[in-house]
Amino acid sequence: MAVGALLVIGLLPYLIANQTQPHSIFVYGTLENNFIRYYACRCVIPQEPATLTNYKQSGLNILPSQGDTVSGSIIAVSPTQLRRIDTYENVPTNYTRETVSIAGETHWVYLKNE
């Protein structure tokens, strides 16, 4: 256990700063979990709390819904990390990646295919 923790601590600067982070994603559900995100993109990504307006959460998905909100987080990822998360979310078979606006900024979001 201690060896694993030391390994992660030693790799943190590399895992966080290995590429520029030009893509921003609004995550909700499983991708808010640090362990799931690490599994999905093989990186440690800080998250910033955010609220998406005019959507509601329905199971593993979010749907447009006037007046409702979804709590989640914003993460910044590199192009490589974005492709890895696309693979984790099984885009385009299970999810699509679309854009949403939060506080005047554009972010990606994963929407489950119906």
C-alpha atoms as a PDB file:
ATOM      1  CA  MET A   1       0.000   0.000   0.000  1.00  0.00           C
ATOM      2  CA  ALA A   2       2.718   2.505   0.973  1.00  0.00           C
ATOM      3  CA  VAL A   3       4.782   1.670  -2.119  1.00  0.00           C
ATOM      4  CA  GLY A   4       1.755   2.288  -4.366  1.00  0.00           C
ATOM      5  CA  ALA A   5       1.080   5.632  -2.672  1.00  0.00           C
ATOM      6  CA  LEU A   6       4.712   6.676  -3.100  1.00  0.00           C
ATOM      7  CA  LEU A   7       4.620   5.661  -6.752  1.00  0.00           C
ATOM      8  CA  VAL A   8       1.488   7.752  -7.378  1.00  0.00           C
ATOM      9  CA  ILE A   9       2.940  10.741  -5.482  1.00  0.00           C
ATOM     10  CA  GLY A  10       6.154  10.483  -7.474  1.00  0.00           C
ATOM     11  CA  LEU A  11       4.260  10.380 -10.764  1.00  0.00           C
ATOM     12  CA  LEU A  12       1.753  13.145  -9.990  1.00  0.00           C
ATOM     13  CA  PRO A  13       3.686  16.009 -11.614  1.00  0.00           C
ATOM     14  CA  TYR A  14       4.117  13.954 -14.803  1.00  0.00           C
ATOM     15  CA  LEU A  15       0.526  12.751 -14.845  1.00  0.00           C
ATOM     16  CA  ILE A  16      -0.900  16.247 -14.339  1.00  0.00           C
ATOM     17  CA  ALA A  17       1.437  18.263 -16.555  1.00  0.00           C
ATOM     18  CA  ASN A  18       2.362  15.869 -19.336  1.00  0.00           C
ATOM     19  CA  GLN A  19       0.394  17.766 -22.015  1.00  0.00           C
ATOM     20  CA  THR A  20      -1.438  21.033 -22.500  1.00  0.00           C
ATOM     21  CA  GLN A  21      -5.100  20.915 -21.503  1.00  0.00           C
ATOM     22  CA  PRO A  22      -7.093  22.678 -24.256  1.00  0.00           C
ATOM     23  CA  HIS A  23     -10.353  20.716 -23.832  1.00  0.00           C
ATOM     24  CA  SER A  24     -12.841  21.288 -21.053  1.00  0.00           C
ATOM     25  CA  ILE A  25     -15.437  18.675 -20.049  1.00  0.00           C
ATOM     26  CA  PHE A  26     -18.471  18.966 -17.770  1.00  0.00           C
ATOM     27  CA  VAL A  27     -18.546  15.656 -15.909  1.00  0.00           C
ATOM     28  CA  TYR A  28     -21.350  14.222 -13.790  1.00  0.00           C
ATOM     29  CA  GLY A  29     -21.819  10.779 -12.335  1.00  0.00           C
ATOM     30  CA  THR A  30     -18.947   8.297 -12.554  1.00  0.00           C
ATOM     31  CA  LEU A  31     -16.413  10.663 -14.172  1.00  0.00           C
ATOM     32  CA  GLU A  32     -16.529  12.837 -11.051  1.00  0.00           C
ATOM     33  CA  ASN A  33     -14.819   9.992  -9.197  1.00  0.00           C
ATOM     34  CA  ASN A  34     -11.006  10.430  -9.188  1.00  0.00           C
ATOM     35  CA  PHE A  35     -10.366   6.677  -9.489  1.00  0.00           C
ATOM     36  CA  ILE A  36     -12.751   6.288 -12.434  1.00  0.00           C
ATOM     37  CA  ARG A  37     -11.188   9.308 -14.170  1.00  0.00           C
ATOM     38  CA  TYR A  38      -7.716   7.872 -13.604  1.00  0.00           C
ATOM     39  CA  TYR A  39      -8.861   4.554 -15.094  1.00  0.00           C
ATOM     40  CA  ALA A  40     -10.544   6.321 -18.030  1.00  0.00           C
ATOM     41  CA  CYS A  41      -7.651   8.568 -19.084  1.00  0.00           C
ATOM     42  CA  ARG A  42      -4.633   7.267 -17.131  1.00  0.00           C
ATOM     43  CA  CYS A  43      -4.072  10.697 -15.601  1.00  0.00           C
ATOM     44  CA  VAL A  44      -4.800  12.748 -12.507  1.00  0.00           C
ATOM     45  CA  ILE A  45      -7.047  15.683 -13.356  1.00  0.00           C
ATOM     46  CA  PRO A  46      -8.156  18.338 -10.872  1.00  0.00           C
ATOM     47  CA  GLN A  47     -11.853  19.162 -10.981  1.00  0.00           C
ATOM     48  CA  GLU A  48     -13.759  22.390 -10.398  1.00  0.00           C
ATOM     49  CA  PRO A  49     -17.360  22.223  -9.105  1.00  0.00           C
ATOM     50  CA  ALA A  50     -19.941  23.428 -11.657  1.00  0.00           C
ATOM     51  CA  THR A  51     -23.670  23.475 -12.288  1.00  0.00           C
ATOM     52  CA  LEU A  52     -25.260  22.892 -15.679  1.00  0.00           C
ATOM     53  CA  THR A  53     -28.569  24.722 -16.020  1.00  0.00           C
ATOM     54  CA  ASN A  54     -31.627  23.636 -17.994  1.00  0.00           C
ATOM     55  CA  TYR A  55     -30.728  19.946 -17.754  1.00  0.00           C
ATOM     56  CA  LYS A  56     -31.792  17.197 -15.356  1.00  0.00           C
ATOM     57  CA  GLN A  57     -30.077  13.936 -14.515  1.00  0.00           C
ATOM     58  CA  SER A  58     -31.934  10.787 -15.491  1.00  0.00           C
ATOM     59  CA  GLY A  59     -30.034   7.663 -14.463  1.00  0.00           C
ATOM     60  CA  LEU A  60     -26.703   7.638 -16.316  1.00  0.00           C
ATOM     61  CA  ASN A  61     -27.746  10.489 -18.579  1.00  0.00           C
ATOM     62  CA  ILE A  62     -28.674  14.150 -18.532  1.00  0.00           C
ATOM     63  CA  LEU A  63     -31.556  15.540 -20.538  1.00  0.00           C
ATOM     64  CA  PRO A  64     -32.604  19.085 -21.474  1.00  0.00           C
ATOM     65  CA  SER A  65     -35.141  20.307 -18.924  1.00  0.00           C
ATOM     66  CA  GLN A  66     -36.043  23.976 -18.579  1.00  0.00           C
ATOM     67  CA  GLY A  67     -35.420  25.275 -15.062  1.00  0.00           C
ATOM     68  CA  ASP A  68     -33.592  22.183 -13.756  1.00  0.00           C
ATOM     69  CA  THR A  69     -29.898  21.871 -12.907  1.00  0.00           C
ATOM     70  CA  VAL A  70     -27.257  19.154 -12.788  1.00  0.00           C
ATOM     71  CA  SER A  71     -24.366  19.339 -10.323  1.00  0.00           C
ATOM     72  CA  GLY A  72     -21.012  18.186 -11.606  1.00  0.00           C
ATOM     73  CA  SER A  73     -17.477  19.347 -12.240  1.00  0.00           C
ATOM     74  CA  ILE A  74     -15.350  20.844 -14.973  1.00  0.00           C
ATOM     75  CA  ILE A  75     -12.101  19.088 -15.902  1.00  0.00           C
ATOM     76  CA  ALA A  76      -9.452  20.224 -18.382  1.00  0.00           C
ATOM     77  CA  VAL A  77      -7.888  17.524 -20.564  1.00  0.00           C
ATOM     78  CA  SER A  78      -5.407  17.169 -23.386  1.00  0.00           C
ATOM     79  CA  PRO A  79      -6.398  15.820 -26.816  1.00  0.00           C
ATOM     80  CA  THR A  80      -4.954  12.407 -25.866  1.00  0.00           C
ATOM     81  CA  GLN A  81      -6.874  12.349 -22.583  1.00  0.00           C
ATOM     82  CA  LEU A  82     -10.082  13.365 -24.405  1.00  0.00           C
ATOM     83  CA  ARG A  83      -9.693  10.436 -26.813  1.00  0.00           C
ATOM     84  CA  ARG A  84      -9.118   8.073 -23.878  1.00  0.00           C
ATOM     85  CA  ILE A  85     -12.295   9.290 -22.170  1.00  0.00           C
ATOM     86  CA  ASP A  86     -14.163   8.928 -25.481  1.00  0.00           C
ATOM     87  CA  THR A  87     -13.010   5.291 -25.529  1.00  0.00           C
ATOM     88  CA  TYR A  88     -14.065   4.800 -21.886  1.00  0.00           C
ATOM     89  CA  GLU A  89     -17.525   6.273 -22.663  1.00  0.00           C
ATOM     90  CA  ASN A  90     -17.700   4.143 -25.839  1.00  0.00           C
ATOM     91  CA  VAL A  91     -18.340   7.101 -28.165  1.00  0.00           C
ATOM     92  CA  PRO A  92     -20.338   6.976 -30.430  1.00  0.00           C
ATOM     93  CA  THR A  93     -21.971   3.635 -29.550  1.00  0.00           C
ATOM     94  CA  ASN A  94     -23.069   4.355 -25.945  1.00  0.00           C
ATOM     95  CA  TYR A  95     -22.512   8.107 -25.615  1.00  0.00           C
ATOM     96  CA  THR A  96     -22.065  11.135 -27.837  1.00  0.00           C
ATOM     97  CA  ARG A  97     -19.843  14.076 -26.955  1.00  0.00           C
ATOM     98  CA  GLU A  98     -21.626  17.412 -27.362  1.00  0.00           C
ATOM     99  CA  THR A  99     -21.075  20.995 -26.250  1.00  0.00           C
ATOM    100  CA  VAL A 100     -22.859  22.900 -23.491  1.00  0.00           C
ATOM    101  CA  SER A 101     -22.440  26.407 -22.137  1.00  0.00           C
ATOM    102  CA  ILE A 102     -21.754  27.060 -18.454  1.00  0.00           C
ATOM    103  CA  ALA A 103     -21.211  30.649 -17.283  1.00  0.00           C
ATOM    104  CA  GLY A 104     -20.628  31.739 -20.878  1.00  0.00           C
ATOM    105  CA  GLU A 105     -17.910  29.126 -21.537  1.00  0.00           C
ATOM    106  CA  THR A 106     -18.198  26.121 -23.825  1.00  0.00           C
ATOM    107  CA  HIS A 107     -17.510  22.637 -22.448  1.00  0.00           C
ATOM    108  CA  TRP A 108     -17.852  19.098 -23.761  1.00  0.00           C
ATOM    109  CA  VAL A 109     -20.388  16.791 -22.111  1.00  0.00           C
ATOM    110  CA  TYR A 110     -21.190  13.111 -22.644  1.00  0.00           C
ATOM    111  CA  LEU A 111     -24.833  12.310 -23.410  1.00  0.00           C
ATOM    112  CA  LYS A 112     -26.098   8.730 -23.379  1.00  0.00           C
ATOM    113  CA  ASN A 113     -27.586   7.457 -26.614  1.00  0.00           C
ATOM    114  CA  GLU A 114     -31.253   6.609 -26.221  1.00  0.00           C
END
